[in-house]
């Protein structure tokens, strides 16, 4: 599918919702609403992803200390990744939230620190990338692998059929 990447001008820090489902749905909609439809055939797709554990939302870490704390908290546990997706055209609008449970192996401090030296953690919700070096931490997943990467491709393709 041909596509064009446009970046919405949305201050995500203004969305202070504590419920991860509400947060990703709201952010995906805000991003989508900020982008203008330029062609009658165009479908605008926006998304936002967070990691949720123990009633806390883990977004992208702002520092090594924050990334370490996130990974330490997720060590040996199951957490949930939520991605909110919004699709919109001049004729149709669809939104959904995808959920995937991820179980981590128990991690020691050396493993976490070695990973953090790679700089892989800092642009990813929860401080890890399942598609890259963070894969070493994942014991198993229940749900869509691509959702953990930040874009539930299969579900998006199903929703695009309405367009």
N, C-alpha and C. Protein backbone atom coordinates (compact mmCIF):
# COMPACT_ATOMS: atom_id res chain seq x y z
N UNK A 1 0.83 -1.17 0.00
CA UNK A 1 0.00 0.00 0.00
C UNK A 1 0.88 1.25 0.00
N UNK A 2 0.65 2.13 -0.93
CA UNK A 2 1.42 3.38 -0.87
C UNK A 2 0.98 4.21 0.34
N UNK A 3 1.92 4.91 0.94
CA UNK A 3 1.58 5.74 2.09
C UNK A 3 2.49 6.96 2.15
N UNK A 4 2.02 7.93 2.89
CA UNK A 4 2.80 9.13 3.16
C UNK A 4 2.81 9.30 4.67
N UNK A 5 3.97 9.58 5.21
CA UNK A 5 4.09 9.78 6.66
C UNK A 5 3.95 11.26 6.97
N UNK A 6 2.99 11.57 7.84
CA UNK A 6 2.81 12.94 8.33
C UNK A 6 2.80 12.89 9.85
N UNK A 7 3.35 13.89 10.46
CA UNK A 7 3.46 13.90 11.92
C UNK A 7 2.49 14.93 12.48
N UNK A 8 1.54 14.48 13.29
CA UNK A 8 0.59 15.43 13.89
C UNK A 8 1.28 16.31 14.94
N UNK A 9 0.73 17.48 15.12
CA UNK A 9 1.27 18.42 16.11
C UNK A 9 0.39 18.35 17.36
N UNK A 10 0.67 17.35 18.19
CA UNK A 10 -0.12 17.10 19.39
C UNK A 10 0.82 17.01 20.59
N UNK A 11 0.49 17.73 21.64
CA UNK A 11 1.26 17.65 22.88
C UNK A 11 0.70 16.50 23.71
N UNK A 12 1.35 15.34 23.61
CA UNK A 12 0.86 14.14 24.28
C UNK A 12 0.89 14.26 25.80
N UNK A 13 1.75 15.10 26.32
CA UNK A 13 1.86 15.25 27.77
C UNK A 13 0.60 15.86 28.39
N UNK A 14 -0.24 16.48 27.56
CA UNK A 14 -1.48 17.08 28.06
C UNK A 14 -2.54 16.03 28.41
N UNK A 15 -2.37 14.82 27.90
CA UNK A 15 -3.32 13.75 28.17
C UNK A 15 -2.83 13.01 29.42
N UNK A 16 -3.48 13.26 30.54
CA UNK A 16 -3.05 12.74 31.83
C UNK A 16 -3.91 11.57 32.31
N UNK A 17 -4.61 10.92 31.41
CA UNK A 17 -5.49 9.81 31.79
C UNK A 17 -4.66 8.67 32.38
N UNK A 18 -5.21 8.02 33.40
CA UNK A 18 -4.51 6.93 34.08
C UNK A 18 -4.95 5.55 33.59
N UNK A 19 -6.09 5.49 32.91
CA UNK A 19 -6.55 4.22 32.34
C UNK A 19 -5.85 4.04 30.99
N UNK A 20 -5.09 2.95 30.82
CA UNK A 20 -4.31 2.79 29.58
C UNK A 20 -5.16 2.70 28.32
N UNK A 21 -6.33 2.08 28.42
CA UNK A 21 -7.21 1.97 27.25
C UNK A 21 -7.71 3.34 26.85
N UNK A 22 -8.19 4.10 27.81
CA UNK A 22 -8.66 5.46 27.52
C UNK A 22 -7.53 6.33 26.98
N UNK A 23 -6.34 6.17 27.55
CA UNK A 23 -5.20 7.01 27.16
C UNK A 23 -4.82 6.77 25.70
N UNK A 24 -4.63 5.51 25.30
CA UNK A 24 -4.20 5.26 23.92
C UNK A 24 -5.30 5.59 22.92
N UNK A 25 -6.56 5.35 23.30
CA UNK A 25 -7.67 5.71 22.40
C UNK A 25 -7.73 7.22 22.22
N UNK A 26 -7.59 7.96 23.30
CA UNK A 26 -7.64 9.43 23.24
C UNK A 26 -6.48 9.98 22.42
N UNK A 27 -5.29 9.47 22.65
CA UNK A 27 -4.12 9.96 21.91
C UNK A 27 -4.22 9.65 20.42
N UNK A 28 -4.67 8.44 20.08
CA UNK A 28 -4.83 8.10 18.66
C UNK A 28 -5.83 9.04 17.99
N UNK A 29 -6.92 9.34 18.69
CA UNK A 29 -7.94 10.25 18.14
C UNK A 29 -7.40 11.67 18.02
N UNK A 30 -6.72 12.16 19.04
CA UNK A 30 -6.14 13.51 18.98
C UNK A 30 -5.17 13.65 17.82
N UNK A 31 -4.33 12.66 17.63
CA UNK A 31 -3.38 12.68 16.52
C UNK A 31 -4.12 12.69 15.19
N UNK A 32 -5.14 11.86 15.09
CA UNK A 32 -5.89 11.75 13.85
C UNK A 32 -6.62 13.05 13.54
N UNK A 33 -7.26 13.62 14.54
CA UNK A 33 -8.01 14.87 14.35
C UNK A 33 -7.11 16.02 13.93
N UNK A 34 -5.83 15.95 14.27
CA UNK A 34 -4.90 17.01 13.91
C UNK A 34 -4.48 16.98 12.44
N UNK A 35 -4.69 15.84 11.79
CA UNK A 35 -4.26 15.69 10.39
C UNK A 35 -5.44 15.90 9.44
N UNK A 36 -5.23 16.72 8.45
CA UNK A 36 -6.28 17.04 7.48
C UNK A 36 -6.29 16.01 6.35
N UNK A 37 -7.48 15.60 5.96
CA UNK A 37 -7.62 14.70 4.82
C UNK A 37 -7.35 15.51 3.56
N UNK A 38 -6.39 15.08 2.76
CA UNK A 38 -5.96 15.83 1.59
C UNK A 38 -6.53 15.30 0.28
N UNK A 39 -7.06 14.09 0.32
CA UNK A 39 -7.55 13.44 -0.90
C UNK A 39 -8.74 12.57 -0.53
N UNK A 40 -9.75 12.52 -1.38
CA UNK A 40 -10.97 11.75 -1.09
C UNK A 40 -10.70 10.24 -0.95
N UNK A 41 -9.58 9.78 -1.47
CA UNK A 41 -9.23 8.36 -1.37
C UNK A 41 -8.36 8.05 -0.15
N UNK A 42 -7.93 9.09 0.53
CA UNK A 42 -6.99 8.93 1.63
C UNK A 42 -7.65 8.36 2.89
N UNK A 43 -6.90 7.51 3.58
CA UNK A 43 -7.28 7.03 4.90
C UNK A 43 -6.15 7.42 5.84
N UNK A 44 -6.50 8.15 6.88
CA UNK A 44 -5.50 8.56 7.87
C UNK A 44 -5.49 7.53 8.99
N UNK A 45 -4.29 7.04 9.31
CA UNK A 45 -4.09 6.05 10.37
C UNK A 45 -3.19 6.69 11.42
N UNK A 46 -3.64 6.69 12.66
CA UNK A 46 -2.80 7.14 13.77
C UNK A 46 -2.88 6.10 14.87
N UNK A 47 -1.84 6.08 15.70
CA UNK A 47 -1.79 5.09 16.78
C UNK A 47 -0.95 5.60 17.94
N UNK A 48 -1.16 4.99 19.09
CA UNK A 48 -0.35 5.27 20.26
C UNK A 48 -0.29 3.99 21.09
N UNK A 49 0.88 3.73 21.68
CA UNK A 49 1.11 2.49 22.42
C UNK A 49 1.66 2.79 23.81
N UNK A 50 1.16 2.07 24.81
CA UNK A 50 1.71 2.14 26.16
C UNK A 50 1.82 0.72 26.73
N UNK A 51 2.66 0.61 27.73
CA UNK A 51 2.78 -0.62 28.52
C UNK A 51 2.09 -0.33 29.86
N UNK A 52 1.32 -1.30 30.33
CA UNK A 52 0.63 -1.14 31.61
C UNK A 52 1.00 -2.29 32.54
N UNK A 53 1.33 -1.91 33.77
CA UNK A 53 1.68 -2.91 34.78
C UNK A 53 1.34 -2.36 36.16
N UNK A 54 0.62 -3.15 36.96
CA UNK A 54 0.25 -2.77 38.33
C UNK A 54 -0.41 -1.39 38.39
N UNK A 55 -1.35 -1.17 37.50
CA UNK A 55 -2.11 0.08 37.46
C UNK A 55 -1.24 1.30 37.15
N UNK A 56 -0.09 1.07 36.53
CA UNK A 56 0.78 2.16 36.10
C UNK A 56 0.98 2.08 34.60
N UNK A 57 1.11 3.24 33.98
CA UNK A 57 1.38 3.31 32.55
C UNK A 57 2.86 3.60 32.36
N UNK A 58 3.51 2.76 31.56
CA UNK A 58 4.91 2.97 31.21
C UNK A 58 4.97 3.43 29.76
N UNK A 59 5.36 4.67 29.57
CA UNK A 59 5.52 5.19 28.22
C UNK A 59 6.99 5.10 27.85
N UNK A 60 7.49 5.94 26.97
CA UNK A 60 8.90 5.95 26.63
C UNK A 60 9.69 6.53 27.81
N UNK A 61 10.75 5.85 28.22
CA UNK A 61 11.52 6.37 29.36
C UNK A 61 12.28 7.64 28.97
N UNK A 62 12.42 8.54 29.93
CA UNK A 62 13.12 9.80 29.70
C UNK A 62 14.59 9.75 30.10
N UNK A 63 15.00 8.68 30.75
CA UNK A 63 16.39 8.58 31.21
C UNK A 63 16.76 7.11 31.40
N UNK A 64 18.04 6.87 31.58
CA UNK A 64 18.51 5.51 31.86
C UNK A 64 17.94 5.02 33.18
N UNK A 65 17.88 5.90 34.17
CA UNK A 65 17.33 5.53 35.47
C UNK A 65 15.87 5.11 35.36
N UNK A 66 15.11 5.86 34.58
CA UNK A 66 13.70 5.52 34.39
C UNK A 66 13.54 4.22 33.60
N UNK A 67 14.35 4.02 32.58
CA UNK A 67 14.29 2.78 31.79
C UNK A 67 14.66 1.58 32.67
N UNK A 68 15.69 1.73 33.50
CA UNK A 68 16.09 0.66 34.40
C UNK A 68 14.95 0.30 35.34
N UNK A 69 14.31 1.31 35.92
CA UNK A 69 13.20 1.08 36.87
C UNK A 69 12.04 0.36 36.17
N UNK A 70 11.75 0.73 34.94
CA UNK A 70 10.67 0.07 34.20
C UNK A 70 10.99 -1.41 33.99
N UNK A 71 12.18 -1.69 33.47
CA UNK A 71 12.55 -3.07 33.18
C UNK A 71 12.65 -3.90 34.45
N UNK A 72 13.13 -3.31 35.52
CA UNK A 72 13.21 -4.01 36.80
C UNK A 72 11.80 -4.37 37.29
N UNK A 73 10.85 -3.44 37.13
CA UNK A 73 9.47 -3.69 37.54
C UNK A 73 8.83 -4.79 36.70
N UNK A 74 9.17 -4.85 35.41
CA UNK A 74 8.56 -5.83 34.51
C UNK A 74 9.22 -7.20 34.62
N UNK A 75 10.39 -7.27 35.20
CA UNK A 75 11.14 -8.51 35.34
C UNK A 75 10.33 -9.60 36.04
N UNK A 76 10.23 -10.77 35.38
CA UNK A 76 9.57 -11.92 35.98
C UNK A 76 8.06 -11.80 36.10
N UNK A 77 7.46 -10.86 35.39
CA UNK A 77 6.02 -10.61 35.51
C UNK A 77 5.34 -10.62 34.14
N UNK A 78 4.03 -10.48 34.18
CA UNK A 78 3.23 -10.29 32.97
C UNK A 78 2.73 -8.85 32.97
N UNK A 79 2.94 -8.17 31.86
CA UNK A 79 2.42 -6.81 31.69
C UNK A 79 1.58 -6.78 30.42
N UNK A 80 0.89 -5.69 30.22
CA UNK A 80 0.00 -5.58 29.07
C UNK A 80 0.40 -4.40 28.20
N UNK A 81 0.41 -4.64 26.90
CA UNK A 81 0.68 -3.60 25.91
C UNK A 81 -0.64 -3.24 25.24
N UNK A 82 -0.96 -1.96 25.24
CA UNK A 82 -2.17 -1.46 24.59
C UNK A 82 -1.78 -0.52 23.46
N UNK A 83 -2.41 -0.70 22.32
CA UNK A 83 -2.25 0.24 21.21
C UNK A 83 -3.63 0.72 20.79
N UNK A 84 -3.80 2.03 20.81
CA UNK A 84 -5.01 2.65 20.30
C UNK A 84 -4.78 3.01 18.85
N UNK A 85 -5.75 2.70 18.00
CA UNK A 85 -5.64 2.97 16.56
C UNK A 85 -6.89 3.71 16.11
N UNK A 86 -6.68 4.70 15.25
CA UNK A 86 -7.79 5.45 14.66
C UNK A 86 -7.57 5.50 13.16
N UNK A 87 -8.61 5.13 12.41
CA UNK A 87 -8.62 5.20 10.95
C UNK A 87 -9.75 6.13 10.54
N UNK A 88 -9.45 7.03 9.60
CA UNK A 88 -10.47 8.00 9.19
C UNK A 88 -10.30 8.37 7.72
N UNK A 89 -11.44 8.41 7.02
CA UNK A 89 -11.49 8.93 5.65
C UNK A 89 -12.66 9.90 5.57
N UNK A 90 -12.93 10.42 4.40
CA UNK A 90 -14.08 11.33 4.28
C UNK A 90 -15.40 10.57 4.46
N UNK A 91 -15.37 9.25 4.28
CA UNK A 91 -16.60 8.44 4.33
C UNK A 91 -16.76 7.60 5.58
N UNK A 92 -15.66 7.36 6.29
CA UNK A 92 -15.72 6.34 7.34
C UNK A 92 -14.72 6.67 8.45
N UNK A 93 -15.02 6.16 9.64
CA UNK A 93 -14.13 6.33 10.78
C UNK A 93 -14.21 5.06 11.63
N UNK A 94 -13.07 4.52 11.99
CA UNK A 94 -13.02 3.33 12.83
C UNK A 94 -11.92 3.52 13.87
N UNK A 95 -12.17 3.08 15.09
CA UNK A 95 -11.18 3.14 16.15
C UNK A 95 -11.25 1.85 16.95
N UNK A 96 -10.11 1.43 17.48
CA UNK A 96 -10.08 0.25 18.33
C UNK A 96 -8.82 0.29 19.19
N UNK A 97 -8.82 -0.53 20.22
CA UNK A 97 -7.65 -0.70 21.08
C UNK A 97 -7.29 -2.18 21.08
N UNK A 98 -6.06 -2.46 20.77
CA UNK A 98 -5.54 -3.83 20.77
C UNK A 98 -4.78 -4.07 22.08
N UNK A 99 -4.93 -5.28 22.61
CA UNK A 99 -4.30 -5.65 23.88
C UNK A 99 -3.46 -6.91 23.70
N UNK A 100 -2.25 -6.89 24.23
CA UNK A 100 -1.37 -8.06 24.21
C UNK A 100 -0.69 -8.20 25.57
N UNK A 101 -0.73 -9.39 26.12
CA UNK A 101 -0.04 -9.66 27.38
C UNK A 101 1.35 -10.21 27.08
N UNK A 102 2.34 -9.68 27.79
CA UNK A 102 3.73 -10.07 27.58
C UNK A 102 4.31 -10.53 28.92
N UNK A 103 4.92 -11.70 28.92
CA UNK A 103 5.59 -12.21 30.12
C UNK A 103 7.10 -12.09 29.93
N UNK A 104 7.76 -11.52 30.92
CA UNK A 104 9.22 -11.38 30.91
C UNK A 104 9.87 -12.48 31.74
N UNK A 105 11.06 -12.88 31.33
CA UNK A 105 11.91 -13.70 32.18
C UNK A 105 12.32 -12.84 33.37
N UNK A 106 12.83 -13.48 34.41
CA UNK A 106 13.40 -12.73 35.52
C UNK A 106 14.76 -12.18 35.06
N UNK A 107 14.93 -10.86 35.20
CA UNK A 107 16.13 -10.19 34.70
C UNK A 107 17.02 -9.77 35.87
N UNK A 108 18.33 -9.92 35.68
CA UNK A 108 19.24 -9.40 36.70
C UNK A 108 19.71 -8.01 36.28
N UNK A 109 20.31 -7.31 37.21
CA UNK A 109 20.73 -5.93 36.96
C UNK A 109 21.73 -5.83 35.81
N UNK A 110 22.62 -6.81 35.70
CA UNK A 110 23.62 -6.79 34.63
C UNK A 110 22.95 -6.90 33.26
N UNK A 111 21.96 -7.78 33.14
CA UNK A 111 21.24 -7.91 31.86
C UNK A 111 20.56 -6.60 31.48
N UNK A 112 19.91 -5.99 32.45
CA UNK A 112 19.21 -4.73 32.19
C UNK A 112 20.21 -3.65 31.80
N UNK A 113 21.28 -3.51 32.56
CA UNK A 113 22.28 -2.47 32.27
C UNK A 113 22.96 -2.68 30.92
N UNK A 114 23.24 -3.91 30.57
CA UNK A 114 23.84 -4.20 29.26
C UNK A 114 22.89 -3.78 28.14
N UNK A 115 21.64 -4.08 28.31
CA UNK A 115 20.64 -3.68 27.31
C UNK A 115 20.56 -2.16 27.21
N UNK A 116 20.56 -1.49 28.33
CA UNK A 116 20.43 -0.03 28.32
C UNK A 116 21.62 0.66 27.68
N UNK A 117 22.76 0.01 27.64
CA UNK A 117 23.93 0.57 26.96
C UNK A 117 23.75 0.60 25.44
N UNK A 118 22.80 -0.16 24.92
CA UNK A 118 22.59 -0.22 23.46
C UNK A 118 21.74 0.94 22.94
N UNK A 119 21.12 1.70 23.82
CA UNK A 119 20.22 2.81 23.45
C UNK A 119 18.94 2.34 22.75
N UNK A 120 18.64 1.06 22.81
CA UNK A 120 17.43 0.51 22.19
C UNK A 120 16.17 0.85 22.97
N UNK A 121 16.32 1.17 24.24
CA UNK A 121 15.17 1.29 25.15
C UNK A 121 14.45 2.63 25.10
N UNK A 122 15.11 3.64 24.63
CA UNK A 122 14.66 5.00 24.93
C UNK A 122 13.56 5.55 24.04
N UNK A 123 13.26 4.91 22.95
CA UNK A 123 12.17 5.40 22.10
C UNK A 123 11.02 4.40 22.02
N UNK A 124 10.89 3.59 23.08
CA UNK A 124 9.87 2.54 23.08
C UNK A 124 9.12 2.52 24.41
N UNK A 125 7.81 2.38 24.31
CA UNK A 125 6.99 2.27 25.52
C UNK A 125 7.47 1.09 26.35
N UNK A 126 7.57 1.31 27.65
CA UNK A 126 8.02 0.25 28.55
C UNK A 126 9.51 0.06 28.58
N UNK A 127 10.24 0.78 27.73
CA UNK A 127 11.69 0.72 27.75
C UNK A 127 12.29 -0.49 27.06
N UNK A 128 11.54 -1.15 26.17
CA UNK A 128 12.12 -2.27 25.43
C UNK A 128 11.47 -2.40 24.06
N UNK A 129 12.20 -2.99 23.14
CA UNK A 129 11.67 -3.28 21.81
C UNK A 129 11.66 -4.77 21.58
N UNK A 130 10.48 -5.34 21.43
CA UNK A 130 10.37 -6.79 21.20
C UNK A 130 10.97 -7.18 19.86
N UNK A 131 10.99 -6.23 18.91
CA UNK A 131 11.48 -6.49 17.57
C UNK A 131 12.99 -6.37 17.46
N UNK A 132 13.64 -6.00 18.57
CA UNK A 132 15.09 -5.81 18.54
C UNK A 132 15.69 -6.51 19.76
N UNK A 133 16.67 -5.90 20.38
CA UNK A 133 17.39 -6.56 21.47
C UNK A 133 16.54 -6.85 22.70
N UNK A 134 15.42 -6.14 22.85
CA UNK A 134 14.52 -6.40 23.97
C UNK A 134 13.84 -7.76 23.88
N UNK A 135 13.93 -8.40 22.73
CA UNK A 135 13.33 -9.74 22.55
C UNK A 135 13.90 -10.74 23.55
N UNK A 136 15.13 -10.52 24.00
CA UNK A 136 15.76 -11.45 24.94
C UNK A 136 15.04 -11.53 26.28
N UNK A 137 14.23 -10.53 26.60
CA UNK A 137 13.53 -10.49 27.88
C UNK A 137 12.18 -11.21 27.84
N UNK A 138 11.67 -11.47 26.65
CA UNK A 138 10.30 -11.96 26.48
C UNK A 138 10.24 -13.47 26.57
N UNK A 139 9.54 -13.94 27.60
CA UNK A 139 9.34 -15.38 27.78
C UNK A 139 8.22 -15.87 26.88
N UNK A 140 7.10 -15.12 26.85
CA UNK A 140 6.00 -15.47 25.93
C UNK A 140 5.05 -14.30 25.83
N UNK A 141 4.22 -14.36 24.79
CA UNK A 141 3.19 -13.35 24.62
C UNK A 141 1.85 -14.02 24.38
N UNK A 142 0.80 -13.31 24.73
CA UNK A 142 -0.56 -13.76 24.45
C UNK A 142 -1.24 -12.61 23.72
N UNK A 143 -1.33 -12.74 22.41
CA UNK A 143 -1.91 -11.68 21.60
C UNK A 143 -1.06 -11.40 20.38
N UNK A 144 -1.22 -10.21 19.84
CA UNK A 144 -0.59 -9.81 18.59
C UNK A 144 0.83 -9.30 18.82
N UNK A 145 1.80 -10.01 18.25
CA UNK A 145 3.20 -9.61 18.33
C UNK A 145 3.40 -8.19 17.80
N UNK A 146 2.77 -7.89 16.67
CA UNK A 146 2.95 -6.57 16.05
C UNK A 146 2.36 -5.46 16.91
N UNK A 147 1.38 -5.79 17.74
CA UNK A 147 0.86 -4.81 18.68
C UNK A 147 1.94 -4.37 19.66
N UNK A 148 2.76 -5.31 20.11
CA UNK A 148 3.84 -4.99 21.03
C UNK A 148 4.87 -4.09 20.34
N UNK A 149 5.01 -4.23 19.04
CA UNK A 149 5.88 -3.35 18.27
C UNK A 149 5.26 -1.95 18.11
N UNK A 150 3.93 -1.86 18.29
CA UNK A 150 3.28 -0.56 18.23
C UNK A 150 2.27 -0.38 17.12
N UNK A 151 2.05 -1.42 16.30
CA UNK A 151 1.07 -1.29 15.23
C UNK A 151 0.47 -2.66 14.91
N UNK A 152 -0.73 -2.93 15.39
CA UNK A 152 -1.36 -4.25 15.17
C UNK A 152 -1.82 -4.40 13.71
N UNK A 153 -0.92 -4.78 12.86
CA UNK A 153 -1.10 -4.77 11.41
C UNK A 153 -2.32 -5.58 10.97
N UNK A 154 -2.45 -6.80 11.44
CA UNK A 154 -3.55 -7.66 11.00
C UNK A 154 -4.91 -7.05 11.31
N UNK A 155 -5.07 -6.53 12.52
CA UNK A 155 -6.34 -5.91 12.92
C UNK A 155 -6.61 -4.66 12.08
N UNK A 156 -5.56 -3.89 11.80
CA UNK A 156 -5.71 -2.70 10.95
C UNK A 156 -6.19 -3.10 9.56
N UNK A 157 -5.59 -4.13 8.99
CA UNK A 157 -6.01 -4.57 7.64
C UNK A 157 -7.46 -5.03 7.62
N UNK A 158 -7.90 -5.68 8.70
CA UNK A 158 -9.30 -6.09 8.79
C UNK A 158 -10.21 -4.86 8.82
N UNK A 159 -9.86 -3.86 9.60
CA UNK A 159 -10.66 -2.64 9.70
C UNK A 159 -10.66 -1.84 8.40
N UNK A 160 -9.55 -1.89 7.66
CA UNK A 160 -9.47 -1.15 6.40
C UNK A 160 -10.46 -1.66 5.35
N UNK A 161 -10.94 -2.88 5.50
CA UNK A 161 -11.92 -3.42 4.55
C UNK A 161 -13.16 -2.55 4.48
N UNK A 162 -13.50 -1.88 5.58
CA UNK A 162 -14.67 -1.00 5.61
C UNK A 162 -14.47 0.24 4.76
N UNK A 163 -13.23 0.55 4.41
CA UNK A 163 -12.92 1.74 3.65
C UNK A 163 -12.89 1.45 2.16
